């Protein structure tokens, strides 16, 4: 499964989704982006690698239909 996935660092993901890396680490990770689905920790380490295709599938569809702002506890505000 991981063979056909694009793995991104936090900085690379931030560049693609136009969020600050700190916002991804402190607010989106574990509320909107979930371990094992949207990101992995290779070899149980501290480094996080995001799964681009999973993020596009789960988050991208929702935000492409309308303006969607991620909020705490996984909620999304539609504007």
Protein backbone atom coordinates (compact mmCIF):
# COMPACT_ATOMS: atom_id res chain seq x y z
CA UNK A 1 0.00 0.00 0.00
CA UNK A 2 2.76 2.49 0.87
CA UNK A 3 4.54 1.71 -2.38
CA UNK A 4 2.16 3.90 -4.40
CA UNK A 5 1.84 6.64 -1.77
CA UNK A 6 3.62 9.98 -1.88
CA UNK A 7 5.31 10.59 1.47
CA UNK A 8 5.74 14.23 2.53
CA UNK A 9 7.49 15.91 5.42
CA UNK A 10 5.62 18.52 7.45
CA UNK A 11 7.32 21.32 5.49
CA UNK A 12 6.40 19.75 2.14
CA UNK A 13 2.77 19.26 3.22
CA UNK A 14 2.64 22.85 4.46
CA UNK A 15 3.76 24.05 1.06
CA UNK A 16 1.06 22.04 -0.74
CA UNK A 17 -1.89 22.93 1.51
CA UNK A 18 -0.75 26.50 2.29
CA UNK A 19 -0.63 26.09 6.06
CA UNK A 20 2.21 26.91 8.43
CA UNK A 21 4.14 23.77 9.50
CA UNK A 22 3.54 24.69 13.13
CA UNK A 23 -0.24 24.77 12.54
CA UNK A 24 -0.07 21.31 11.00
CA UNK A 25 1.90 19.90 13.94
CA UNK A 26 -0.05 21.61 16.71
CA UNK A 27 -3.63 21.86 15.41
CA UNK A 28 -4.29 19.58 12.44
CA UNK A 29 -2.29 16.52 13.51
CA UNK A 30 -4.49 14.13 15.52
CA UNK A 31 -7.62 16.26 15.08
CA UNK A 32 -8.02 16.41 11.28
CA UNK A 33 -5.05 14.27 10.24
CA UNK A 34 -4.90 10.89 11.98
CA UNK A 35 -1.95 8.56 12.54
CA UNK A 36 -2.10 5.43 10.43
CA UNK A 37 -4.51 7.06 7.97
CA UNK A 38 -3.00 10.42 7.03
CA UNK A 39 0.50 10.08 8.48
CA UNK A 40 2.99 7.52 9.77
CA UNK A 41 5.99 7.48 12.07
CA UNK A 42 8.60 5.30 10.36
CA UNK A 43 10.37 2.91 12.72
CA UNK A 44 8.44 4.37 15.69
CA UNK A 45 10.55 7.53 15.63
CA UNK A 46 9.75 11.20 16.06
CA UNK A 47 9.79 11.99 12.34
CA UNK A 48 6.34 12.21 10.74
CA UNK A 49 5.66 11.43 7.09
CA UNK A 50 2.31 12.45 5.65
CA UNK A 51 0.48 10.30 3.08
CA UNK A 52 -0.48 12.77 0.36
CA UNK A 53 -3.04 10.59 -1.45
CA UNK A 54 -4.93 9.87 1.80
CA UNK A 55 -5.00 13.56 2.69
CA UNK A 56 -6.25 14.48 -0.79
CA UNK A 57 -8.93 11.78 -0.64
CA UNK A 58 -10.25 12.60 2.84
CA UNK A 59 -9.58 16.30 3.26
CA UNK A 60 -9.30 17.56 -0.33
CA UNK A 61 -12.78 16.47 -1.45
CA UNK A 62 -14.40 18.26 1.45
CA UNK A 63 -12.55 21.54 0.96
CA UNK A 64 -12.77 21.57 -2.84
CA UNK A 65 -16.58 21.71 -2.84
CA UNK A 66 -16.64 24.80 -0.62
CA UNK A 67 -14.43 26.86 1.64
CA UNK A 68 -13.67 24.59 4.59
CA UNK A 69 -11.77 25.75 7.67
CA UNK A 70 -10.46 23.02 10.01
CA UNK A 71 -11.42 23.66 13.62
CA UNK A 72 -10.57 22.05 16.92
CA UNK A 73 -11.62 18.48 17.64
CA UNK A 74 -11.87 17.67 13.94
CA UNK A 75 -14.82 19.94 13.13
CA UNK A 76 -14.90 21.89 9.86
CA UNK A 77 -16.46 25.32 9.32
CA UNK A 78 -17.94 25.85 5.86
CA UNK A 79 -17.97 29.40 4.58
